Amino acid sequence: GYVAGSQALREILTQRARPFLFST
C-alpha cells in the first residue's frame, strides 16, 4: 500500500508511523 500527499506528510510518516518503522 502507499500514502500519497505532501513531502511533510511523507517525512513525518518515515519518523513515526509504526508499521513503517517496525516492518521489513
mmCIF file of all heavy atoms, coordinates in Angstrom:
data_MODEL
# 
_entry.id   MODEL 
# 
loop_
_atom_site.group_PDB 
_atom_site.id 
_atom_site.type_symbol 
_atom_site.label_atom_id 
_atom_site.label_alt_id 
_atom_site.label_comp_id 
_atom_site.label_asym_id 
_atom_site.label_entity_id 
_atom_site.label_seq_id 
_atom_site.pdbx_PDB_ins_code 
_atom_site.Cartn_x 
_atom_site.Cartn_y 
_atom_site.Cartn_z 
_atom_site.occupancy 
_atom_site.B_iso_or_equiv 
_atom_site.pdbx_formal_charge 
_atom_site.auth_seq_id 
_atom_site.auth_comp_id 
_atom_site.auth_asym_id 
_atom_site.auth_atom_id 
_atom_site.pdbx_PDB_model_num 
ATOM 1   N N   . GLY A 1 1  ? 0.845  -1.189 0.000  1.00 0.00 ? 1  GLY A N   1 
ATOM 2   C CA  . GLY A 1 1  ? 0.000  0.000  0.000  1.00 0.00 ? 1  GLY A CA  1 
ATOM 3   C C   . GLY A 1 1  ? 0.873  1.228  0.000  1.00 0.00 ? 1  GLY A C   1 
ATOM 4   O O   . GLY A 1 1  ? 2.099  1.134  0.128  1.00 0.00 ? 1  GLY A O   1 
ATOM 5   N N   . TYR A 1 2  ? 0.265  2.387  -0.153 1.00 0.00 ? 2  TYR A N   1 
ATOM 6   C CA  . TYR A 1 2  ? 1.049  3.621  -0.127 1.00 0.00 ? 2  TYR A CA  1 
ATOM 7   C C   . TYR A 1 2  ? 0.191  4.784  0.330  1.00 0.00 ? 2  TYR A C   1 
ATOM 8   O O   . TYR A 1 2  ? -1.041 4.750  0.263  1.00 0.00 ? 2  TYR A O   1 
ATOM 9   C CB  . TYR A 1 2  ? 1.665  3.924  -1.497 1.00 0.00 ? 2  TYR A CB  1 
ATOM 10  C CG  . TYR A 1 2  ? 0.675  4.144  -2.623 1.00 0.00 ? 2  TYR A CG  1 
ATOM 11  C CD1 . TYR A 1 2  ? 0.170  5.411  -2.902 1.00 0.00 ? 2  TYR A CD1 1 
ATOM 12  C CD2 . TYR A 1 2  ? 0.256  3.080  -3.423 1.00 0.00 ? 2  TYR A CD2 1 
ATOM 13  C CE1 . TYR A 1 2  ? -0.720 5.614  -3.939 1.00 0.00 ? 2  TYR A CE1 1 
ATOM 14  C CE2 . TYR A 1 2  ? -0.627 3.271  -4.467 1.00 0.00 ? 2  TYR A CE2 1 
ATOM 15  C CZ  . TYR A 1 2  ? -1.117 4.547  -4.721 1.00 0.00 ? 2  TYR A CZ  1 
ATOM 16  O OH  . TYR A 1 2  ? -2.008 4.743  -5.742 1.00 0.00 ? 2  TYR A OH  1 
ATOM 17  N N   . VAL A 1 3  ? 0.865  5.795  0.851  1.00 0.00 ? 3  VAL A N   1 
ATOM 18  C CA  . VAL A 1 3  ? 0.228  7.047  1.250  1.00 0.00 ? 3  VAL A CA  1 
ATOM 19  C C   . VAL A 1 3  ? 0.780  8.143  0.359  1.00 0.00 ? 3  VAL A C   1 
ATOM 20  O O   . VAL A 1 3  ? 2.000  8.310  0.255  1.00 0.00 ? 3  VAL A O   1 
ATOM 21  C CB  . VAL A 1 3  ? 0.497  7.366  2.733  1.00 0.00 ? 3  VAL A CB  1 
ATOM 22  C CG1 . VAL A 1 3  ? -0.105 8.721  3.097  1.00 0.00 ? 3  VAL A CG1 1 
ATOM 23  C CG2 . VAL A 1 3  ? -0.081 6.262  3.622  1.00 0.00 ? 3  VAL A CG2 1 
ATOM 24  N N   . ALA A 1 4  ? -0.110 8.885  -0.290 1.00 0.00 ? 4  ALA A N   1 
ATOM 25  C CA  . ALA A 1 4  ? 0.274  9.937  -1.224 1.00 0.00 ? 4  ALA A CA  1 
ATOM 26  C C   . ALA A 1 4  ? -0.186 11.285 -0.686 1.00 0.00 ? 4  ALA A C   1 
ATOM 27  O O   . ALA A 1 4  ? -1.335 11.429 -0.266 1.00 0.00 ? 4  ALA A O   1 
ATOM 28  C CB  . ALA A 1 4  ? -0.352 9.674  -2.602 1.00 0.00 ? 4  ALA A CB  1 
ATOM 29  N N   . GLY A 1 5  ? 0.711  12.264 -0.705 1.00 0.00 ? 5  GLY A N   1 
ATOM 30  C CA  . GLY A 1 5  ? 0.363  13.595 -0.203 1.00 0.00 ? 5  GLY A CA  1 
ATOM 31  C C   . GLY A 1 5  ? 1.539  14.535 -0.282 1.00 0.00 ? 5  GLY A C   1 
ATOM 32  O O   . GLY A 1 5  ? 2.328  14.497 -1.231 1.00 0.00 ? 5  GLY A O   1 
ATOM 33  N N   . SER A 1 6  ? 1.709  15.338 0.753  1.00 0.00 ? 6  SER A N   1 
ATOM 34  C CA  . SER A 1 6  ? 2.778  16.333 0.779  1.00 0.00 ? 6  SER A CA  1 
ATOM 35  C C   . SER A 1 6  ? 4.102  15.700 1.176  1.00 0.00 ? 6  SER A C   1 
ATOM 36  O O   . SER A 1 6  ? 4.161  14.590 1.719  1.00 0.00 ? 6  SER A O   1 
ATOM 37  C CB  . SER A 1 6  ? 2.431  17.444 1.772  1.00 0.00 ? 6  SER A CB  1 
ATOM 38  O OG  . SER A 1 6  ? 2.463  16.934 3.103  1.00 0.00 ? 6  SER A OG  1 
ATOM 39  N N   . GLN A 1 7  ? 5.185  16.435 0.929  1.00 0.00 ? 7  GLN A N   1 
ATOM 40  C CA  . GLN A 1 7  ? 6.503  15.979 1.352  1.00 0.00 ? 7  GLN A CA  1 
ATOM 41  C C   . GLN A 1 7  ? 6.578  15.909 2.873  1.00 0.00 ? 7  GLN A C   1 
ATOM 42  O O   . GLN A 1 7  ? 7.180  14.982 3.434  1.00 0.00 ? 7  GLN A O   1 
ATOM 43  C CB  . GLN A 1 7  ? 7.587  16.916 0.810  1.00 0.00 ? 7  GLN A CB  1 
ATOM 44  C CG  . GLN A 1 7  ? 9.006  16.484 1.109  1.00 0.00 ? 7  GLN A CG  1 
ATOM 45  C CD  . GLN A 1 7  ? 9.385  15.171 0.433  1.00 0.00 ? 7  GLN A CD  1 
ATOM 46  O OE1 . GLN A 1 7  ? 8.957  14.903 -0.685 1.00 0.00 ? 7  GLN A OE1 1 
ATOM 47  N NE2 . GLN A 1 7  ? 10.179 14.350 1.116  1.00 0.00 ? 7  GLN A NE2 1 
ATOM 48  N N   . ALA A 1 8  ? 5.958  16.876 3.557  1.00 0.00 ? 8  ALA A N   1 
ATOM 49  C CA  . ALA A 1 8  ? 5.974  16.871 5.021  1.00 0.00 ? 8  ALA A CA  1 
ATOM 50  C C   . ALA A 1 8  ? 5.249  15.646 5.570  1.00 0.00 ? 8  ALA A C   1 
ATOM 51  O O   . ALA A 1 8  ? 5.674  15.056 6.573  1.00 0.00 ? 8  ALA A O   1 
ATOM 52  C CB  . ALA A 1 8  ? 5.334  18.146 5.555  1.00 0.00 ? 8  ALA A CB  1 
ATOM 53  N N   . LEU A 1 9  ? 4.154  15.251 4.926  1.00 0.00 ? 9  LEU A N   1 
ATOM 54  C CA  . LEU A 1 9  ? 3.435  14.053 5.352  1.00 0.00 ? 9  LEU A CA  1 
ATOM 55  C C   . LEU A 1 9  ? 4.348  12.834 5.225  1.00 0.00 ? 9  LEU A C   1 
ATOM 56  O O   . LEU A 1 9  ? 4.433  12.002 6.142  1.00 0.00 ? 9  LEU A O   1 
ATOM 57  C CB  . LEU A 1 9  ? 2.175  13.871 4.515  1.00 0.00 ? 9  LEU A CB  1 
ATOM 58  C CG  . LEU A 1 9  ? 1.387  12.579 4.757  1.00 0.00 ? 9  LEU A CG  1 
ATOM 59  C CD1 . LEU A 1 9  ? 0.830  12.540 6.176  1.00 0.00 ? 9  LEU A CD1 1 
ATOM 60  C CD2 . LEU A 1 9  ? 0.259  12.437 3.729  1.00 0.00 ? 9  LEU A CD2 1 
ATOM 61  N N   . ARG A 1 10 ? 5.021  12.710 4.095  1.00 0.00 ? 10 ARG A N   1 
ATOM 62  C CA  . ARG A 1 10 ? 5.924  11.580 3.916  1.00 0.00 ? 10 ARG A CA  1 
ATOM 63  C C   . ARG A 1 10 ? 7.010  11.571 4.983  1.00 0.00 ? 10 ARG A C   1 
ATOM 64  O O   . ARG A 1 10 ? 7.313  10.514 5.566  1.00 0.00 ? 10 ARG A O   1 
ATOM 65  C CB  . ARG A 1 10 ? 6.575  11.630 2.525  1.00 0.00 ? 10 ARG A CB  1 
ATOM 66  C CG  . ARG A 1 10 ? 7.497  10.449 2.239  1.00 0.00 ? 10 ARG A CG  1 
ATOM 67  C CD  . ARG A 1 10 ? 8.230  10.602 0.908  1.00 0.00 ? 10 ARG A CD  1 
ATOM 68  N NE  . ARG A 1 10 ? 8.908  9.364  0.531  1.00 0.00 ? 10 ARG A NE  1 
ATOM 69  C CZ  . ARG A 1 10 ? 10.118 9.000  0.945  1.00 0.00 ? 10 ARG A CZ  1 
ATOM 70  N NH1 . ARG A 1 10 ? 10.795 9.792  1.779  1.00 0.00 ? 10 ARG A NH1 1 
ATOM 71  N NH2 . ARG A 1 10 ? 10.644 7.855  0.543  1.00 0.00 ? 10 ARG A NH2 1 
ATOM 72  N N   . GLU A 1 11 ? 7.579  12.725 5.268  1.00 0.00 ? 11 GLU A N   1 
ATOM 73  C CA  . GLU A 1 11 ? 8.679  12.786 6.226  1.00 0.00 ? 11 GLU A CA  1 
ATOM 74  C C   . GLU A 1 11 ? 8.225  12.390 7.632  1.00 0.00 ? 11 GLU A C   1 
ATOM 75  O O   . GLU A 1 11 ? 8.920  11.644 8.332  1.00 0.00 ? 11 GLU A O   1 
ATOM 76  C CB  . GLU A 1 11 ? 9.281  14.193 6.241  1.00 0.00 ? 11 GLU A CB  1 
ATOM 77  C CG  . GLU A 1 11 ? 10.010 14.580 4.963  1.00 0.00 ? 11 GLU A CG  1 
ATOM 78  C CD  . GLU A 1 11 ? 11.148 13.623 4.642  1.00 0.00 ? 11 GLU A CD  1 
ATOM 79  O OE1 . GLU A 1 11 ? 11.884 13.224 5.575  1.00 0.00 ? 11 GLU A OE1 1 
ATOM 80  O OE2 . GLU A 1 11 ? 11.294 13.249 3.464  1.00 0.00 ? 11 GLU A OE2 1 
ATOM 81  N N   . ILE A 1 12 ? 7.057  12.874 8.066  1.00 0.00 ? 12 ILE A N   1 
ATOM 82  C CA  . ILE A 1 12 ? 6.603  12.538 9.417  1.00 0.00 ? 12 ILE A CA  1 
ATOM 83  C C   . ILE A 1 12 ? 6.279  11.057 9.516  1.00 0.00 ? 12 ILE A C   1 
ATOM 84  O O   . ILE A 1 12 ? 6.506  10.422 10.548 1.00 0.00 ? 12 ILE A O   1 
ATOM 85  C CB  . ILE A 1 12 ? 5.412  13.417 9.850  1.00 0.00 ? 12 ILE A CB  1 
ATOM 86  C CG1 . ILE A 1 12 ? 5.291  13.436 11.380 1.00 0.00 ? 12 ILE A CG1 1 
ATOM 87  C CG2 . ILE A 1 12 ? 4.113  12.975 9.228  1.00 0.00 ? 12 ILE A CG2 1 
ATOM 88  C CD1 . ILE A 1 12 ? 6.422  14.131 12.080 1.00 0.00 ? 12 ILE A CD1 1 
ATOM 89  N N   . LEU A 1 13 ? 5.785  10.463 8.426  1.00 0.00 ? 13 LEU A N   1 
ATOM 90  C CA  . LEU A 1 13 ? 5.488  9.035  8.441  1.00 0.00 ? 13 LEU A CA  1 
ATOM 91  C C   . LEU A 1 13 ? 6.774  8.206  8.541  1.00 0.00 ? 13 LEU A C   1 
ATOM 92  O O   . LEU A 1 13 ? 6.795  7.169  9.209  1.00 0.00 ? 13 LEU A O   1 
ATOM 93  C CB  . LEU A 1 13 ? 4.694  8.639  7.198  1.00 0.00 ? 13 LEU A CB  1 
ATOM 94  C CG  . LEU A 1 13 ? 3.259  9.163  7.115  1.00 0.00 ? 13 LEU A CG  1 
ATOM 95  C CD1 . LEU A 1 13 ? 2.636  8.820  5.766  1.00 0.00 ? 13 LEU A CD1 1 
ATOM 96  C CD2 . LEU A 1 13 ? 2.401  8.609  8.249  1.00 0.00 ? 13 LEU A CD2 1 
ATOM 97  N N   . THR A 1 14 ? 7.830  8.650  7.888  1.00 0.00 ? 14 THR A N   1 
ATOM 98  C CA  . THR A 1 14 ? 9.101  7.912  7.989  1.00 0.00 ? 14 THR A CA  1 
ATOM 99  C C   . THR A 1 14 ? 9.667  7.952  9.401  1.00 0.00 ? 14 THR A C   1 
ATOM 100 O O   . THR A 1 14 ? 10.460 7.087  9.785  1.00 0.00 ? 14 THR A O   1 
ATOM 101 C CB  . THR A 1 14 ? 10.169 8.463  7.017  1.00 0.00 ? 14 THR A CB  1 
ATOM 102 O OG1 . THR A 1 14 ? 10.530 9.798  7.401  1.00 0.00 ? 14 THR A OG1 1 
ATOM 103 C CG2 . THR A 1 14 ? 9.688  8.444  5.581  1.00 0.00 ? 14 THR A CG2 1 
ATOM 104 N N   . GLN A 1 15 ? 9.270  8.944  10.183 1.00 0.00 ? 15 GLN A N   1 
ATOM 105 C CA  . GLN A 1 15 ? 9.797  9.102  11.541 1.00 0.00 ? 15 GLN A CA  1 
ATOM 106 C C   . GLN A 1 15 ? 8.913  8.463  12.610 1.00 0.00 ? 15 GLN A C   1 
ATOM 107 O O   . GLN A 1 15 ? 9.408  8.065  13.666 1.00 0.00 ? 15 GLN A O   1 
ATOM 108 C CB  . GLN A 1 15 ? 9.969  10.595 11.869 1.00 0.00 ? 15 GLN A CB  1 
ATOM 109 C CG  . GLN A 1 15 ? 10.856 11.354 10.903 1.00 0.00 ? 15 GLN A CG  1 
ATOM 110 C CD  . GLN A 1 15 ? 12.233 10.747 10.777 1.00 0.00 ? 15 GLN A CD  1 
ATOM 111 O OE1 . GLN A 1 15 ? 12.944 10.595 11.776 1.00 0.00 ? 15 GLN A OE1 1 
ATOM 112 N NE2 . GLN A 1 15 ? 12.627 10.377 9.563  1.00 0.00 ? 15 GLN A NE2 1 
ATOM 113 N N   . ARG A 1 16 ? 7.585  8.353  12.330 1.00 0.00 ? 16 ARG A N   1 
ATOM 114 C CA  . ARG A 1 16 ? 6.679  7.978  13.415 1.00 0.00 ? 16 ARG A CA  1 
ATOM 115 C C   . ARG A 1 16 ? 5.694  6.858  13.101 1.00 0.00 ? 16 ARG A C   1 
ATOM 116 O O   . ARG A 1 16 ? 5.103  6.304  14.030 1.00 0.00 ? 16 ARG A O   1 
ATOM 117 C CB  . ARG A 1 16 ? 5.886  9.219  13.866 1.00 0.00 ? 16 ARG A CB  1 
ATOM 118 C CG  . ARG A 1 16 ? 6.746  10.301 14.490 1.00 0.00 ? 16 ARG A CG  1 
ATOM 119 C CD  . ARG A 1 16 ? 5.899  11.455 14.963 1.00 0.00 ? 16 ARG A CD  1 
ATOM 120 N NE  . ARG A 1 16 ? 6.705  12.524 15.552 1.00 0.00 ? 16 ARG A NE  1 
ATOM 121 C CZ  . ARG A 1 16 ? 6.235  13.715 15.896 1.00 0.00 ? 16 ARG A CZ  1 
ATOM 122 N NH1 . ARG A 1 16 ? 4.947  14.001 15.690 1.00 0.00 ? 16 ARG A NH1 1 
ATOM 123 N NH2 . ARG A 1 16 ? 7.023  14.625 16.414 1.00 0.00 ? 16 ARG A NH2 1 
ATOM 124 N N   . ALA A 1 17 ? 5.481  6.543  11.856 1.00 0.00 ? 17 ALA A N   1 
ATOM 125 C CA  . ALA A 1 17 ? 4.470  5.526  11.533 1.00 0.00 ? 17 ALA A CA  1 
ATOM 126 C C   . ALA A 1 17 ? 4.980  4.143  11.921 1.00 0.00 ? 17 ALA A C   1 
ATOM 127 O O   . ALA A 1 17 ? 5.949  3.637  11.359 1.00 0.00 ? 17 ALA A O   1 
ATOM 128 C CB  . ALA A 1 17 ? 4.117  5.580  10.053 1.00 0.00 ? 17 ALA A CB  1 
ATOM 129 N N   . ARG A 1 18 ? 4.339  3.503  12.859 1.00 0.00 ? 18 ARG A N   1 
ATOM 130 C CA  . ARG A 1 18 ? 4.853  2.265  13.432 1.00 0.00 ? 18 ARG A CA  1 
ATOM 131 C C   . ARG A 1 18 ? 4.926  1.113  12.420 1.00 0.00 ? 18 ARG A C   1 
ATOM 132 O O   . ARG A 1 18 ? 5.913  0.362  12.422 1.00 0.00 ? 18 ARG A O   1 
ATOM 133 C CB  . ARG A 1 18 ? 4.025  1.881  14.662 1.00 0.00 ? 18 ARG A CB  1 
ATOM 134 C CG  . ARG A 1 18 ? 4.208  2.891  15.804 1.00 0.00 ? 18 ARG A CG  1 
ATOM 135 C CD  . ARG A 1 18 ? 3.281  2.599  16.964 1.00 0.00 ? 18 ARG A CD  1 
ATOM 136 N NE  . ARG A 1 18 ? 3.661  1.415  17.713 1.00 0.00 ? 18 ARG A NE  1 
ATOM 137 C CZ  . ARG A 1 18 ? 4.589  1.381  18.662 1.00 0.00 ? 18 ARG A CZ  1 
ATOM 138 N NH1 . ARG A 1 18 ? 5.250  2.490  18.980 1.00 0.00 ? 18 ARG A NH1 1 
ATOM 139 N NH2 . ARG A 1 18 ? 4.867  0.270  19.299 1.00 0.00 ? 18 ARG A NH2 1 
ATOM 140 N N   . PRO A 1 19 ? 3.954  0.916  11.530 1.00 0.00 ? 19 PRO A N   1 
ATOM 141 C CA  . PRO A 1 19 ? 4.110  -0.168 10.550 1.00 0.00 ? 19 PRO A CA  1 
ATOM 142 C C   . PRO A 1 19 ? 5.323  0.028  9.645  1.00 0.00 ? 19 PRO A C   1 
ATOM 143 O O   . PRO A 1 19 ? 5.967  -0.943 9.245  1.00 0.00 ? 19 PRO A O   1 
ATOM 144 C CB  . PRO A 1 19 ? 2.802  -0.113 9.746  1.00 0.00 ? 19 PRO A CB  1 
ATOM 145 C CG  . PRO A 1 19 ? 1.828  0.533  10.664 1.00 0.00 ? 19 PRO A CG  1 
ATOM 146 C CD  . PRO A 1 19 ? 2.605  1.534  11.435 1.00 0.00 ? 19 PRO A CD  1 
ATOM 147 N N   . PHE A 1 20 ? 5.642  1.285  9.338  1.00 0.00 ? 20 PHE A N   1 
ATOM 148 C CA  . PHE A 1 20 ? 6.815  1.587  8.524  1.00 0.00 ? 20 PHE A CA  1 
ATOM 149 C C   . PHE A 1 20 ? 8.098  1.325  9.315  1.00 0.00 ? 20 PHE A C   1 
ATOM 150 O O   . PHE A 1 20 ? 9.073  0.758  8.796  1.00 0.00 ? 20 PHE A O   1 
ATOM 151 C CB  . PHE A 1 20 ? 6.762  3.034  8.053  1.00 0.00 ? 20 PHE A CB  1 
ATOM 152 C CG  . PHE A 1 20 ? 7.958  3.465  7.248  1.00 0.00 ? 20 PHE A CG  1 
ATOM 153 C CD1 . PHE A 1 20 ? 8.012  3.216  5.884  1.00 0.00 ? 20 PHE A CD1 1 
ATOM 154 C CD2 . PHE A 1 20 ? 9.032  4.109  7.846  1.00 0.00 ? 20 PHE A CD2 1 
ATOM 155 C CE1 . PHE A 1 20 ? 9.124  3.597  5.133  1.00 0.00 ? 20 PHE A CE1 1 
ATOM 156 C CE2 . PHE A 1 20 ? 10.133 4.507  7.103  1.00 0.00 ? 20 PHE A CE2 1 
ATOM 157 C CZ  . PHE A 1 20 ? 10.178 4.244  5.746  1.00 0.00 ? 20 PHE A CZ  1 
ATOM 158 N N   . LEU A 1 21 ? 8.109  1.727  10.589 1.00 0.00 ? 21 LEU A N   1 
ATOM 159 C CA  . LEU A 1 21 ? 9.320  1.648  11.401 1.00 0.00 ? 21 LEU A CA  1 
ATOM 160 C C   . LEU A 1 21 ? 9.662  0.228  11.829 1.00 0.00 ? 21 LEU A C   1 
ATOM 161 O O   . LEU A 1 21 ? 10.829 -0.077 12.096 1.00 0.00 ? 21 LEU A O   1 
ATOM 162 C CB  . LEU A 1 21 ? 9.157  2.518  12.656 1.00 0.00 ? 21 LEU A CB  1 
ATOM 163 C CG  . LEU A 1 21 ? 9.093  4.028  12.433 1.00 0.00 ? 21 LEU A CG  1 
ATOM 164 C CD1 . LEU A 1 21 ? 8.723  4.734  13.726 1.00 0.00 ? 21 LEU A CD1 1 
ATOM 165 C CD2 . LEU A 1 21 ? 10.410 4.545  11.891 1.00 0.00 ? 21 LEU A CD2 1 
ATOM 166 N N   . PHE A 1 22 ? 8.656  -0.648 11.907 1.00 0.00 ? 22 PHE A N   1 
ATOM 167 C CA  . PHE A 1 22 ? 8.890  -1.956 12.518 1.00 0.00 ? 22 PHE A CA  1 
ATOM 168 C C   . PHE A 1 22 ? 8.568  -3.131 11.590 1.00 0.00 ? 22 PHE A C   1 
ATOM 169 O O   . PHE A 1 22 ? 8.381  -4.250 12.073 1.00 0.00 ? 22 PHE A O   1 
ATOM 170 C CB  . PHE A 1 22 ? 8.083  -2.071 13.818 1.00 0.00 ? 22 PHE A CB  1 
ATOM 171 C CG  . PHE A 1 22 ? 8.517  -1.075 14.861 1.00 0.00 ? 22 PHE A CG  1 
ATOM 172 C CD1 . PHE A 1 22 ? 7.758  0.051  15.131 1.00 0.00 ? 22 PHE A CD1 1 
ATOM 173 C CD2 . PHE A 1 22 ? 9.701  -1.247 15.550 1.00 0.00 ? 22 PHE A CD2 1 
ATOM 174 C CE1 . PHE A 1 22 ? 8.153  0.983  16.078 1.00 0.00 ? 22 PHE A CE1 1 
ATOM 175 C CE2 . PHE A 1 22 ? 10.114 -0.333 16.507 1.00 0.00 ? 22 PHE A CE2 1 
ATOM 176 C CZ  . PHE A 1 22 ? 9.345  0.795  16.773 1.00 0.00 ? 22 PHE A CZ  1 
ATOM 177 N N   . SER A 1 23 ? 8.529  -2.893 10.280 1.00 0.00 ? 23 SER A N   1 
ATOM 178 C CA  . SER A 1 23 ? 8.302  -3.980 9.329  1.00 0.00 ? 23 SER A CA  1 
ATOM 179 C C   . SER A 1 23 ? 9.368  -3.930 8.241  1.00 0.00 ? 23 SER A C   1 
ATOM 180 O O   . SER A 1 23 ? 9.686  -2.854 7.719  1.00 0.00 ? 23 SER A O   1 
ATOM 181 C CB  . SER A 1 23 ? 6.916  -3.865 8.681  1.00 0.00 ? 23 SER A CB  1 
ATOM 182 O OG  . SER A 1 23 ? 5.889  -3.968 9.635  1.00 0.00 ? 23 SER A OG  1 
ATOM 183 N N   . THR A 1 24 ? 9.883  -5.081 7.888  1.00 0.00 ? 24 THR A N   1 
ATOM 184 C CA  . THR A 1 24 ? 10.871 -5.160 6.818  1.00 0.00 ? 24 THR A CA  1 
ATOM 185 C C   . THR A 1 24 ? 10.267 -4.660 5.508  1.00 0.00 ? 24 THR A C   1 
ATOM 186 O O   . THR A 1 24 ? 9.093  -4.876 5.225  1.00 0.00 ? 24 THR A O   1 
ATOM 187 C CB  . THR A 1 24 ? 11.352 -6.615 6.663  1.00 0.00 ? 24 THR A CB  1 
ATOM 188 O OG1 . THR A 1 24 ? 12.007 -7.000 7.870  1.00 0.00 ? 24 THR A OG1 1 
ATOM 189 C CG2 . THR A 1 24 ? 12.300 -6.772 5.492  1.00 0.00 ? 24 THR A CG2 1 
# 
